[in-house]
């Protein structure tokens, strides 16, 4: 006979969260959370040498995040003008404008053959 798995109540909300739990709740790495803490974007408390994030500080950080359709989010699109130049520089290693590059046209001509 298979033993019944006891149903447990969901964990009670905490007042303070460790950095790893904050990272999990935000969907980022703990390193990113430490970076946000160092830039004072997330308030923290210290308890016996541990860095803990208050629940209200986490809620405040989430509430202050910009919407996905903000100007900064639009500037990061892959089809933004600067993206092609950066991609071109990694391929060609030149530091001039994409339109003036003869190496790019030479590379595309040899690729077509």
PDB file of N, CA and C in Angstrom:
ATOM      1  N   UNK A   1       0.831  -1.171   0.000  1.00  0.00           N
ATOM      2  CA  UNK A   1       0.000   0.000   0.000  1.00  0.00           C
ATOM      3  C   UNK A   1       0.887   1.250   0.000  1.00  0.00           C
ATOM      4  N   UNK A   2       0.557   2.193  -0.837  1.00  0.00           N
ATOM      5  CA  UNK A   2       1.328   3.436  -0.933  1.00  0.00           C
ATOM      6  C   UNK A   2       0.857   4.396   0.155  1.00  0.00           C
ATOM      7  N   UNK A   3       1.801   4.926   0.929  1.00  0.00           N
ATOM      8  CA  UNK A   3       1.379   5.841   1.997  1.00  0.00           C
ATOM      9  C   UNK A   3       0.873   7.158   1.413  1.00  0.00           C
ATOM     10  N   UNK A   4      -0.100   7.724   2.073  1.00  0.00           N
ATOM     11  CA  UNK A   4      -0.658   9.003   1.662  1.00  0.00           C
ATOM     12  C   UNK A   4       0.340  10.122   1.948  1.00  0.00           C
ATOM     13  N   UNK A   5       0.450  11.032   1.010  1.00  0.00           N
ATOM     14  CA  UNK A   5       1.303  12.193   1.217  1.00  0.00           C
ATOM     15  C   UNK A   5       0.465  13.243   1.927  1.00  0.00           C
ATOM     16  N   UNK A   6       0.986  13.693   3.037  1.00  0.00           N
ATOM     17  CA  UNK A   6       0.232  14.684   3.804  1.00  0.00           C
ATOM     18  C   UNK A   6       0.227  16.017   3.062  1.00  0.00           C
ATOM     19  N   UNK A   7      -0.927  16.615   3.016  1.00  0.00           N
ATOM     20  CA  UNK A   7      -1.028  17.935   2.408  1.00  0.00           C
ATOM     21  C   UNK A   7      -0.623  18.961   3.449  1.00  0.00           C
ATOM     22  N   UNK A   8       0.344  19.756   3.105  1.00  0.00           N
ATOM     23  CA  UNK A   8       0.806  20.773   4.039  1.00  0.00           C
ATOM     24  C   UNK A   8       0.290  22.131   3.598  1.00  0.00           C
ATOM     25  N   UNK A   9       0.120  22.978   4.549  1.00  0.00           N
ATOM     26  CA  UNK A   9      -0.335  24.335   4.254  1.00  0.00           C
ATOM     27  C   UNK A   9       0.793  25.099   3.580  1.00  0.00           C
ATOM     28  N   UNK A  10       0.470  26.039   2.700  1.00  0.00           N
ATOM     29  CA  UNK A  10       1.531  26.834   2.087  1.00  0.00           C
ATOM     30  C   UNK A  10       2.304  27.597   3.155  1.00  0.00           C
ATOM     31  N   UNK A  11       3.580  27.812   2.939  1.00  0.00           N
ATOM     32  CA  UNK A  11       4.376  28.488   3.962  1.00  0.00           C
ATOM     33  C   UNK A  11       3.852  29.910   4.198  1.00  0.00           C
ATOM     34  N   UNK A  12       3.895  30.293   5.447  1.00  0.00           N
ATOM     35  CA  UNK A  12       3.437  31.641   5.799  1.00  0.00           C
ATOM     36  C   UNK A  12       4.400  32.668   5.199  1.00  0.00           C
ATOM     37  N   UNK A  13       3.863  33.813   4.895  1.00  0.00           N
ATOM     38  CA  UNK A  13       4.734  34.852   4.355  1.00  0.00           C
ATOM     39  C   UNK A  13       5.703  35.302   5.437  1.00  0.00           C
ATOM     40  N   UNK A  14       6.887  35.611   5.023  1.00  0.00           N
ATOM     41  CA  UNK A  14       7.927  36.004   5.949  1.00  0.00           C
ATOM     42  C   UNK A  14       8.014  37.523   6.028  1.00  0.00           C
ATOM     43  N   UNK A  15       8.678  37.974   7.070  1.00  0.00           N
ATOM     44  CA  UNK A  15       8.966  39.400   7.186  1.00  0.00           C
ATOM     45  C   UNK A  15      10.289  39.745   6.515  1.00  0.00           C
ATOM     46  N   UNK A  16      11.230  38.799   6.542  1.00  0.00           N
ATOM     47  CA  UNK A  16      12.565  38.997   5.946  1.00  0.00           C
ATOM     48  C   UNK A  16      12.887  37.824   5.037  1.00  0.00           C
ATOM     49  N   UNK A  17      13.446  38.123   3.865  1.00  0.00           N
ATOM     50  CA  UNK A  17      13.806  37.085   2.894  1.00  0.00           C
ATOM     51  C   UNK A  17      15.313  37.075   2.671  1.00  0.00           C
ATOM     52  N   UNK A  18      15.940  35.887   2.626  1.00  0.00           N
ATOM     53  CA  UNK A  18      17.350  35.823   2.243  1.00  0.00           C
ATOM     54  C   UNK A  18      17.524  36.150   0.760  1.00  0.00           C
ATOM     55  N   UNK A  19      18.738  36.475   0.377  1.00  0.00           N
ATOM     56  CA  UNK A  19      19.019  36.905  -0.998  1.00  0.00           C
ATOM     57  C   UNK A  19      18.637  35.826  -2.006  1.00  0.00           C
ATOM     58  N   UNK A  20      18.883  34.575  -1.703  1.00  0.00           N
ATOM     59  CA  UNK A  20      18.537  33.504  -2.654  1.00  0.00           C
ATOM     60  C   UNK A  20      17.034  33.424  -2.894  1.00  0.00           C
ATOM     61  N   UNK A  21      16.234  33.621  -1.842  1.00  0.00           N
ATOM     62  CA  UNK A  21      14.780  33.609  -2.016  1.00  0.00           C
ATOM     63  C   UNK A  21      14.306  34.818  -2.815  1.00  0.00           C
ATOM     64  N   UNK A  22      14.934  35.963  -2.597  1.00  0.00           N
ATOM     65  CA  UNK A  22      14.589  37.157  -3.370  1.00  0.00           C
ATOM     66  C   UNK A  22      14.903  36.921  -4.852  1.00  0.00           C
ATOM     67  N   UNK A  23      16.050  36.326  -5.119  1.00  0.00           N
ATOM     68  CA  UNK A  23      16.436  36.032  -6.505  1.00  0.00           C
ATOM     69  C   UNK A  23      15.418  35.090  -7.147  1.00  0.00           C
ATOM     70  N   UNK A  24      14.984  34.081  -6.407  1.00  0.00           N
ATOM     71  CA  UNK A  24      14.000  33.148  -6.939  1.00  0.00           C
ATOM     72  C   UNK A  24      12.677  33.851  -7.222  1.00  0.00           C
ATOM     73  N   UNK A  25      12.238  34.695  -6.305  1.00  0.00           N
ATOM     74  CA  UNK A  25      10.959  35.398  -6.482  1.00  0.00           C
ATOM     75  C   UNK A  25      11.012  36.374  -7.647  1.00  0.00           C
ATOM     76  N   UNK A  26      12.180  36.992  -7.889  1.00  0.00           N
ATOM     77  CA  UNK A  26      12.300  37.942  -9.000  1.00  0.00           C
ATOM     78  C   UNK A  26      12.638  37.258 -10.323  1.00  0.00           C
ATOM     79  N   UNK A  27      13.073  36.004 -10.260  1.00  0.00           N
ATOM     80  CA  UNK A  27      13.436  35.298 -11.487  1.00  0.00           C
ATOM     81  C   UNK A  27      14.792  35.707 -12.023  1.00  0.00           C
ATOM     82  N   UNK A  28      15.702  36.119 -11.136  1.00  0.00           N
ATOM     83  CA  UNK A  28      17.051  36.510 -11.528  1.00  0.00           C
ATOM     84  C   UNK A  28      18.051  35.716 -10.691  1.00  0.00           C
ATOM     85  N   UNK A  29      19.326  35.914 -10.945  1.00  0.00           N
ATOM     86  CA  UNK A  29      20.345  35.218 -10.183  1.00  0.00           C
ATOM     87  C   UNK A  29      20.629  35.956  -8.879  1.00  0.00           C
ATOM     88  N   UNK A  30      21.164  35.258  -7.886  1.00  0.00           N
ATOM     89  CA  UNK A  30      21.549  35.944  -6.649  1.00  0.00           C
ATOM     90  C   UNK A  30      22.585  37.043  -6.894  1.00  0.00           C
ATOM     91  N   UNK A  31      23.432  36.848  -7.881  1.00  0.00           N
ATOM     92  CA  UNK A  31      24.429  37.872  -8.198  1.00  0.00           C
ATOM     93  C   UNK A  31      23.749  39.176  -8.629  1.00  0.00           C
ATOM     94  N   UNK A  32      22.680  39.071  -9.407  1.00  0.00           N
ATOM     95  CA  UNK A  32      21.932  40.251  -9.828  1.00  0.00           C
ATOM     96  C   UNK A  32      21.304  40.948  -8.620  1.00  0.00           C
ATOM     97  N   UNK A  33      20.798  40.166  -7.666  1.00  0.00           N
ATOM     98  CA  UNK A  33      20.215  40.758  -6.460  1.00  0.00           C
ATOM     99  C   UNK A  33      21.295  41.493  -5.672  1.00  0.00           C
ATOM    100  N   UNK A  34      22.485  40.902  -5.560  1.00  0.00           N
ATOM    101  CA  UNK A  34      23.582  41.578  -4.857  1.00  0.00           C
ATOM    102  C   UNK A  34      23.957  42.876  -5.563  1.00  0.00           C
ATOM    103  N   UNK A  35      23.904  42.888  -6.882  1.00  0.00           N
ATOM    104  CA  UNK A  35      24.196  44.115  -7.628  1.00  0.00           C
ATOM    105  C   UNK A  35      23.145  45.178  -7.335  1.00  0.00           C
ATOM    106  N   UNK A  36      21.872  44.781  -7.284  1.00  0.00           N
ATOM    107  CA  UNK A  36      20.799  45.718  -6.961  1.00  0.00           C
ATOM    108  C   UNK A  36      20.943  46.250  -5.539  1.00  0.00           C
ATOM    109  N   UNK A  37      21.383  45.396  -4.623  1.00  0.00           N
ATOM    110  CA  UNK A  37      21.603  45.824  -3.247  1.00  0.00           C
ATOM    111  C   UNK A  37      22.747  46.825  -3.180  1.00  0.00           C
ATOM    112  N   UNK A  38      23.828  46.549  -3.913  1.00  0.00           N
ATOM    113  CA  UNK A  38      24.980  47.462  -3.875  1.00  0.00           C
ATOM    114  C   UNK A  38      24.655  48.817  -4.484  1.00  0.00           C
ATOM    115  N   UNK A  39      23.695  48.864  -5.410  1.00  0.00           N
ATOM    116  CA  UNK A  39      23.269  50.135  -6.002  1.00  0.00           C
ATOM    117  C   UNK A  39      22.137  50.792  -5.214  1.00  0.00           C
ATOM    118  N   UNK A  40      21.820  50.233  -4.047  1.00  0.00           N
ATOM    119  CA  UNK A  40      20.769  50.743  -3.159  1.00  0.00           C
ATOM    120  C   UNK A  40      19.389  50.774  -3.817  1.00  0.00           C
ATOM    121  N   UNK A  41      19.124  49.852  -4.708  1.00  0.00           N
ATOM    122  CA  UNK A  41      17.795  49.757  -5.310  1.00  0.00           C
ATOM    123  C   UNK A  41      16.882  48.871  -4.479  1.00  0.00           C
ATOM    124  N   UNK A  42      17.484  48.003  -3.648  1.00  0.00           N
ATOM    125  CA  UNK A  42      16.716  47.170  -2.732  1.00  0.00           C
ATOM    126  C   UNK A  42      17.262  47.412  -1.329  1.00  0.00           C
ATOM    127  N   UNK A  43      16.371  47.766  -0.391  1.00  0.00           N
ATOM    128  CA  UNK A  43      16.778  47.970   0.995  1.00  0.00           C
ATOM    129  C   UNK A  43      16.991  46.616   1.667  1.00  0.00           C
ATOM    130  N   UNK A  44      17.953  46.570   2.583  1.00  0.00           N
ATOM    131  CA  UNK A  44      18.236  45.326   3.294  1.00  0.00           C
ATOM    132  C   UNK A  44      18.444  45.607   4.778  1.00  0.00           C
ATOM    133  N   UNK A  45      18.434  44.529   5.547  1.00  0.00           N
ATOM    134  CA  UNK A  45      18.746  44.542   6.977  1.00  0.00           C
ATOM    135  C   UNK A  45      19.802  43.480   7.222  1.00  0.00           C
ATOM    136  N   UNK A  46      20.579  43.672   8.290  1.00  0.00           N
ATOM    137  CA  UNK A  46      21.578  42.669   8.664  1.00  0.00           C
ATOM    138  C   UNK A  46      21.141  41.983   9.948  1.00  0.00           C
ATOM    139  N   UNK A  47      21.285  40.673   9.979  1.00  0.00           N
ATOM    140  CA  UNK A  47      20.963  39.896  11.160  1.00  0.00           C
ATOM    141  C   UNK A  47      22.014  38.808  11.310  1.00  0.00           C
ATOM    142  N   UNK A  48      22.838  38.928  12.327  1.00  0.00           N
ATOM    143  CA  UNK A  48      23.911  37.957  12.598  1.00  0.00           C
ATOM    144  C   UNK A  48      24.792  37.712  11.379  1.00  0.00           C
ATOM    145  N   UNK A  49      25.142  38.758  10.683  1.00  0.00           N
ATOM    146  CA  UNK A  49      26.028  38.641   9.532  1.00  0.00           C
ATOM    147  C   UNK A  49      25.334  38.275   8.237  1.00  0.00           C
ATOM    148  N   UNK A  50      24.034  38.032   8.289  1.00  0.00           N
ATOM    149  CA  UNK A  50      23.276  37.703   7.078  1.00  0.00           C
ATOM    150  C   UNK A  50      22.609  38.958   6.554  1.00  0.00           C
ATOM    151  N   UNK A  51      22.515  39.063   5.248  1.00  0.00           N
ATOM    152  CA  UNK A  51      21.825  40.186   4.608  1.00  0.00           C
ATOM    153  C   UNK A  51      20.436  39.705   4.245  1.00  0.00           C
ATOM    154  N   UNK A  52      19.415  40.358   4.788  1.00  0.00           N
ATOM    155  CA  UNK A  52      18.029  39.964   4.563  1.00  0.00           C
ATOM    156  C   UNK A  52      17.248  41.136   3.982  1.00  0.00           C
ATOM    157  N   UNK A  53      16.289  40.816   3.121  1.00  0.00           N
ATOM    158  CA  UNK A  53      15.475  41.832   2.460  1.00  0.00           C
ATOM    159  C   UNK A  53      14.093  41.828   3.106  1.00  0.00           C
ATOM    160  N   UNK A  54      13.650  42.971   3.660  1.00  0.00           N
ATOM    161  CA  UNK A  54      12.300  43.029   4.224  1.00  0.00           C
ATOM    162  C   UNK A  54      11.242  42.836   3.135  1.00  0.00           C
ATOM    163  N   UNK A  55      10.124  42.235   3.528  1.00  0.00           N
ATOM    164  CA  UNK A  55       9.053  41.963   2.570  1.00  0.00           C
ATOM    165  C   UNK A  55       8.524  43.253   1.959  1.00  0.00           C
ATOM    166  N   UNK A  56       8.416  44.310   2.761  1.00  0.00           N
ATOM    167  CA  UNK A  56       7.908  45.564   2.210  1.00  0.00           C
ATOM    168  C   UNK A  56       8.904  46.206   1.249  1.00  0.00           C
ATOM    169  N   UNK A  57      10.219  45.999   1.476  1.00  0.00           N
ATOM    170  CA  UNK A  57      11.225  46.523   0.544  1.00  0.00           C
ATOM    171  C   UNK A  57      11.149  45.791  -0.789  1.00  0.00           C
ATOM    172  N   UNK A  58      10.889  44.486  -0.736  1.00  0.00           N
ATOM    173  CA  UNK A  58      10.752  43.716  -1.973  1.00  0.00           C
ATOM    174  C   UNK A  58       9.493  44.141  -2.734  1.00  0.00           C
ATOM    175  N   UNK A  59       8.404  44.332  -2.021  1.00  0.00           N
ATOM    176  CA  UNK A  59       7.164  44.787  -2.670  1.00  0.00           C
ATOM    177  C   UNK A  59       7.336  46.184  -3.263  1.00  0.00           C
ATOM    178  N   UNK A  60       8.070  47.041  -2.559  1.00  0.00           N
ATOM    179  CA  UNK A  60       8.332  48.399  -3.055  1.00  0.00           C
ATOM    180  C   UNK A  60       9.185  48.363  -4.323  1.00  0.00           C
ATOM    181  N   UNK A  61      10.198  47.485  -4.333  1.00  0.00           N
ATOM    182  CA  UNK A  61      11.059  47.361  -5.520  1.00  0.00           C
ATOM    183  C   UNK A  61      10.247  46.884  -6.715  1.00  0.00           C
ATOM    184  N   UNK A  62       9.403  45.893  -6.506  1.00  0.00           N
ATOM    185  CA  UNK A  62       8.592  45.362  -7.601  1.00  0.00           C
ATOM    186  C   UNK A  62       7.615  46.419  -8.114  1.00  0.00           C
ATOM    187  N   UNK A  63       7.038  47.198  -7.197  1.00  0.00           N
ATOM    188  CA  UNK A  63       6.084  48.234  -7.604  1.00  0.00           C
ATOM    189  C   UNK A  63       6.753  49.345  -8.402  1.00  0.00           C
ATOM    190  N   UNK A  64       8.032  49.600  -8.140  1.00  0.00           N
ATOM    191  CA  UNK A  64       8.746  50.681  -8.828  1.00  0.00           C
ATOM    192  C   UNK A  64       9.411  50.255 -10.130  1.00  0.00           C
ATOM    193  N   UNK A  65       9.278  48.990 -10.511  1.00  0.00           N
ATOM    194  CA  UNK A  65       9.864  48.541 -11.777  1.00  0.00           C
ATOM    195  C   UNK A  65       9.132  49.200 -12.944  1.00  0.00           C
ATOM    196  N   UNK A  66       9.864  49.573 -14.014  1.00  0.00           N
ATOM    197  CA  UNK A  66       9.181  50.192 -15.162  1.00  0.00           C
ATOM    198  C   UNK A  66       8.350  49.161 -15.922  1.00  0.00           C
ATOM    199  N   UNK A  67       7.357  49.641 -16.629  1.00  0.00           N
ATOM    200  CA  UNK A  67       6.532  48.773 -17.464  1.00  0.00           C
ATOM    201  C   UNK A  67       7.349  48.276 -18.640  1.00  0.00           C
ATOM    202  N   UNK A  68       6.902  47.197 -19.259  1.00  0.00           N
ATOM    203  CA  UNK A  68       7.620  46.612 -20.385  1.00  0.00           C
ATOM    204  C   UNK A  68       7.589  47.471 -21.632  1.00  0.00           C
ATOM    205  N   UNK A  69       6.673  48.422 -21.737  1.00  0.00           N
ATOM    206  CA  UNK A  69       6.590  49.249 -22.933  1.00  0.00           C
ATOM    207  C   UNK A  69       7.181  50.640 -22.715  1.00  0.00           C
ATOM    208  N   UNK A  70       8.126  50.752 -21.779  1.00  0.00           N
ATOM    209  CA  UNK A  70       8.757  52.043 -21.534  1.00  0.00           C
ATOM    210  C   UNK A  70       9.791  52.341 -22.620  1.00  0.00           C
ATOM    211  N   UNK A  71      10.314  53.557 -22.644  1.00  0.00           N
ATOM    212  CA  UNK A  71      11.303  53.958 -23.645  1.00  0.00           C
ATOM    213  C   UNK A  71      12.588  53.160 -23.526  1.00  0.00           C
ATOM    214  N   UNK A  72      13.021  52.854 -22.308  1.00  0.00           N
ATOM    215  CA  UNK A  72      14.246  52.078 -22.131  1.00  0.00           C
ATOM    216  C   UNK A  72      14.090  50.673 -22.691  1.00  0.00           C
ATOM    217  N   UNK A  73      12.926  50.080 -22.501  1.00  0.00           N
ATOM    218  CA  UNK A  73      12.690  48.733 -23.029  1.00  0.00           C
ATOM    219  C   UNK A  73      12.704  48.755 -24.554  1.00  0.00           C
ATOM    220  N   UNK A  74      12.165  49.810 -25.167  1.00  0.00           N
ATOM    221  CA  UNK A  74      12.161  49.901 -26.622  1.00  0.00           C
ATOM    222  C   UNK A  74      13.563  50.114 -27.170  1.00  0.00           C
ATOM    223  N   UNK A  75      14.420  50.799 -26.435  1.00  0.00           N
ATOM    224  CA  UNK A  75      15.772  51.070 -26.910  1.00  0.00           C
ATOM    225  C   UNK A  75      16.619  49.808 -26.935  1.00  0.00           C
ATOM    226  N   UNK A  76      16.234  48.767 -26.212  1.00  0.00           N
ATOM    227  CA  UNK A  76      17.023  47.543 -26.158  1.00  0.00           C
ATOM    228  C   UNK A  76      16.632  46.524 -27.211  1.00  0.00           C
ATOM    229  N   UNK A  77      15.712  46.884 -28.093  1.00  0.00           N
ATOM    230  CA  UNK A  77      15.294  45.932 -29.122  1.00  0.00           C
ATOM    231  C   UNK A  77      16.483  45.563 -30.011  1.00  0.00           C
ATOM    232  N   UNK A  78      16.549  44.341 -30.507  1.00  0.00           N
ATOM    233  CA  UNK A  78      17.653  43.951 -31.384  1.00  0.00           C
ATOM    234  C   UNK A  78      17.685  44.713 -32.695  1.00  0.00           C
ATOM    235  N   UNK A  79      16.554  45.277 -33.126  1.00  0.00           N
ATOM    236  CA  UNK A  79      16.573  45.992 -34.389  1.00  0.00           C
ATOM    237  C   UNK A  79      16.842  47.486 -34.203  1.00  0.00           C
ATOM    238  N   UNK A  80      17.288  47.880 -33.000  1.00  0.00           N
ATOM    239  CA  UNK A  80      17.667  49.276 -32.781  1.00  0.00           C
ATOM    240  C   UNK A  80      18.886  49.591 -33.636  1.00  0.00           C
ATOM    241  N   UNK A  81      19.086  50.848 -34.069  1.00  0.00           N
ATOM    242  CA  UNK A  81      20.166  51.182 -35.007  1.00  0.00           C
ATOM    243  C   UNK A  81      21.551  50.786 -34.526  1.00  0.00           C
ATOM    244  N   UNK A  82      21.851  50.951 -33.251  1.00  0.00           N
ATOM    245  CA  UNK A  82      23.188  50.633 -32.763  1.00  0.00           C
ATOM    246  C   UNK A  82      23.506  49.162 -32.795  1.00  0.00           C
ATOM    247  N   UNK A  83      22.474  48.311 -32.803  1.00  0.00           N
ATOM    248  CA  UNK A  83      22.704  46.880 -32.757  1.00  0.00           C
ATOM    249  C   UNK A  83      23.454  46.393 -33.993  1.00  0.00           C
ATOM    250  N   UNK A  84      23.084  46.885 -35.165  1.00  0.00           N
ATOM    251  CA  UNK A  84      23.744  46.438 -36.391  1.00  0.00           C
ATOM    252  C   UNK A  84      25.210  46.838 -36.412  1.00  0.00           C
ATOM    253  N   UNK A  85      25.506  48.020 -35.926  1.00  0.00           N
ATOM    254  CA  UNK A  85      26.905  48.471 -35.915  1.00  0.00           C
ATOM    255  C   UNK A  85      27.715  47.616 -34.954  1.00  0.00           C
ATOM    256  N   UNK A  86      27.174  47.336 -33.758  1.00  0.00           N
ATOM    257  CA  UNK A  86      27.912  46.498 -32.812  1.00  0.00           C
ATOM    258  C   UNK A  86      28.120  45.105 -33.384  1.00  0.00           C
ATOM    259  N   UNK A  87      27.086  44.532 -34.042  1.00  0.00           N
ATOM    260  CA  UNK A  87      27.221  43.215 -34.638  1.00  0.00           C
ATOM    261  C   UNK A  87      28.274  43.235 -35.732  1.00  0.00           C
ATOM    262  N   UNK A  88      28.256  44.286 -36.530  1.00  0.00           N
ATOM    263  CA  UNK A  88      29.215  44.405 -37.621  1.00  0.00           C
ATOM    264  C   UNK A  88      30.639  44.490 -37.080  1.00  0.00           C
ATOM    265  N   UNK A  89      30.826  45.245 -36.006  1.00  0.00           N
ATOM    266  CA  UNK A  89      32.173  45.389 -35.443  1.00  0.00           C
ATOM    267  C   UNK A  89      32.692  44.070 -34.906  1.00  0.00           C
ATOM    268  N   UNK A  90      31.843  43.216 -34.398  1.00  0.00           N
ATOM    269  CA  UNK A  90      32.322  41.932 -33.920  1.00  0.00           C
ATOM    270  C   UNK A  90      32.692  41.018 -35.083  1.00  0.00           C
ATOM    271  N   UNK A  91      32.081  41.219 -36.225  1.00  0.00           N
ATOM    272  CA  UNK A  91      32.394  40.390 -37.386  1.00  0.00           C
ATOM    273  C   UNK A  91      33.618  40.905 -38.147  1.00  0.00           C
ATOM    274  N   UNK A  92      33.731  42.223 -38.280  1.00  0.00           N
ATOM    275  CA  UNK A  92      34.729  42.814 -39.154  1.00  0.00           C
ATOM    276  C   UNK A  92      35.928  43.376 -38.393  1.00  0.00           C
ATOM    277  N   UNK A  93      35.749  43.700 -37.144  1.00  0.00           N
ATOM    278  CA  UNK A  93      36.765  44.320 -36.303  1.00  0.00           C
ATOM    279  C   UNK A  93      37.157  45.726 -36.772  1.00  0.00           C
ATOM    280  N   UNK A  94      36.289  46.381 -37.505  1.00  0.00           N
ATOM    281  CA  UNK A  94      36.581  47.745 -37.925  1.00  0.00           C
ATOM    282  C   UNK A  94      35.844  48.720 -37.019  1.00  0.00           C
ATOM    283  N   UNK A  95      36.227  49.977 -37.060  1.00  0.00           N
ATOM    284  CA  UNK A  95      35.629  50.974 -36.179  1.00  0.00           C
ATOM    285  C   UNK A  95      35.013  52.116 -36.971  1.00  0.00           C
ATOM    286  N   UNK A  96      34.535  51.859 -38.140  1.00  0.00           N
ATOM    287  CA  UNK A  96      33.868  52.890 -38.928  1.00  0.00           C
ATOM    288  C   UNK A  96      32.423  52.482 -39.168  1.00  0.00           C
ATOM    289  N   UNK A  97      31.702  53.313 -39.854  1.00  0.00           N
ATOM    290  CA  UNK A  97      30.290  53.052 -40.077  1.00  0.00           C
ATOM    291  C   UNK A  97      30.089  51.837 -40.973  1.00  0.00           C
ATOM    292  N   UNK A  98      28.979  51.166 -40.782  1.00  0.00           N
ATOM    293  CA  UNK A  98      28.675  49.954 -41.527  1.00  0.00           C
ATOM    294  C   UNK A  98      28.598  50.218 -43.024  1.00  0.00           C
ATOM    295  N   UNK A  99      28.015  51.342 -43.423  1.00  0.00           N
ATOM    296  CA  UNK A  99      27.853  51.626 -44.844  1.00  0.00           C
ATOM    297  C   UNK A  99      29.190  51.828 -45.539  1.00  0.00           C
ATOM    298  N   UNK A 100      30.226  52.275 -44.797  1.00  0.00           N
ATOM    299  CA  UNK A 100      31.519  52.558 -45.406  1.00  0.00           C
ATOM    300  C   UNK A 100      32.435  51.341 -45.427  1.00  0.00           C
ATOM    301  N   UNK A 101      31.993  50.253 -44.907  1.00  0.00           N
ATOM    302  CA  UNK A 101      32.877  49.092 -44.784  1.00  0.00           C
ATOM    303  C   UNK A 101      32.922  48.293 -46.079  1.00  0.00           C
ATOM    304  N   UNK A 102      34.108  48.122 -46.599  1.00  0.00           N
ATOM    305  CA  UNK A 102      34.272  47.293 -47.793  1.00  0.00           C
ATOM    306  C   UNK A 102      34.447  45.834 -47.404  1.00  0.00           C
ATOM    307  N   UNK A 103      34.923  45.606 -46.188  1.00  0.00           N
ATOM    308  CA  UNK A 103      35.113  44.229 -45.738  1.00  0.00           C
ATOM    309  C   UNK A 103      33.771  43.517 -45.601  1.00  0.00           C
ATOM    310  N   UNK A 104      32.749  44.239 -45.165  1.00  0.00           N
ATOM    311  CA  UNK A 104      31.428  43.623 -45.022  1.00  0.00           C
ATOM    312  C   UNK A 104      30.877  43.196 -46.369  1.00  0.00           C
ATOM    313  N   UNK A 105      31.049  44.050 -47.371  1.00  0.00           N
ATOM    314  CA  UNK A 105      30.557  43.674 -48.697  1.00  0.00           C
ATOM    315  C   UNK A 105      31.407  42.562 -49.298  1.00  0.00           C
ATOM    316  N   UNK A 106      32.711  42.562 -48.978  1.00  0.00           N
ATOM    317  CA  UNK A 106      33.568  41.497 -49.472  1.00  0.00           C
ATOM    318  C   UNK A 106      33.201  40.172 -48.810  1.00  0.00           C
ATOM    319  N   UNK A 107      32.906  40.207 -47.504  1.00  0.00           N
ATOM    320  CA  UNK A 107      32.510  38.979 -46.800  1.00  0.00           C
ATOM    321  C   UNK A 107      31.194  38.441 -47.339  1.00  0.00           C
ATOM    322  N   UNK A 108      30.239  39.328 -47.627  1.00  0.00           N
ATOM    323  CA  UNK A 108      28.963  38.859 -48.136  1.00  0.00           C
ATOM    324  C   UNK A 108      29.103  38.336 -49.556  1.00  0.00           C
ATOM    325  N   UNK A 109      30.041  38.916 -50.341  1.00  0.00           N
ATOM    326  CA  UNK A 109      30.254  38.441 -51.706  1.00  0.00           C
ATOM    327  C   UNK A 109      30.887  37.057 -51.703  1.00  0.00           C
ATOM    328  N   UNK A 110      31.840  36.824 -50.773  1.00  0.00           N
ATOM    329  CA  UNK A 110      32.471  35.498 -50.732  1.00  0.00           C
ATOM    330  C   UNK A 110      31.514  34.472 -50.142  1.00  0.00           C
ATOM    331  N   UNK A 111      30.624  34.893 -49.269  1.00  0.00           N
ATOM    332  CA  UNK A 111      29.648  33.951 -48.701  1.00  0.00           C
ATOM    333  C   UNK A 111      28.634  33.530 -49.744  1.00  0.00           C
ATOM    334  N   UNK A 112      28.360  34.408 -50.705  1.00  0.00           N
ATOM    335  CA  UNK A 112      27.376  34.104 -51.732  1.00  0.00           C
ATOM    336  C   UNK A 112      27.915  33.090 -52.751  1.00  0.00           C
ATOM    337  N   UNK A 113      29.219  32.979 -52.831  1.00  0.00           N
ATOM    338  CA  UNK A 113      29.816  32.046 -53.812  1.00  0.00           C
ATOM    339  C   UNK A 113      29.734  30.646 -53.414  1.00  0.00           C
TER     340      UNK A 113
END
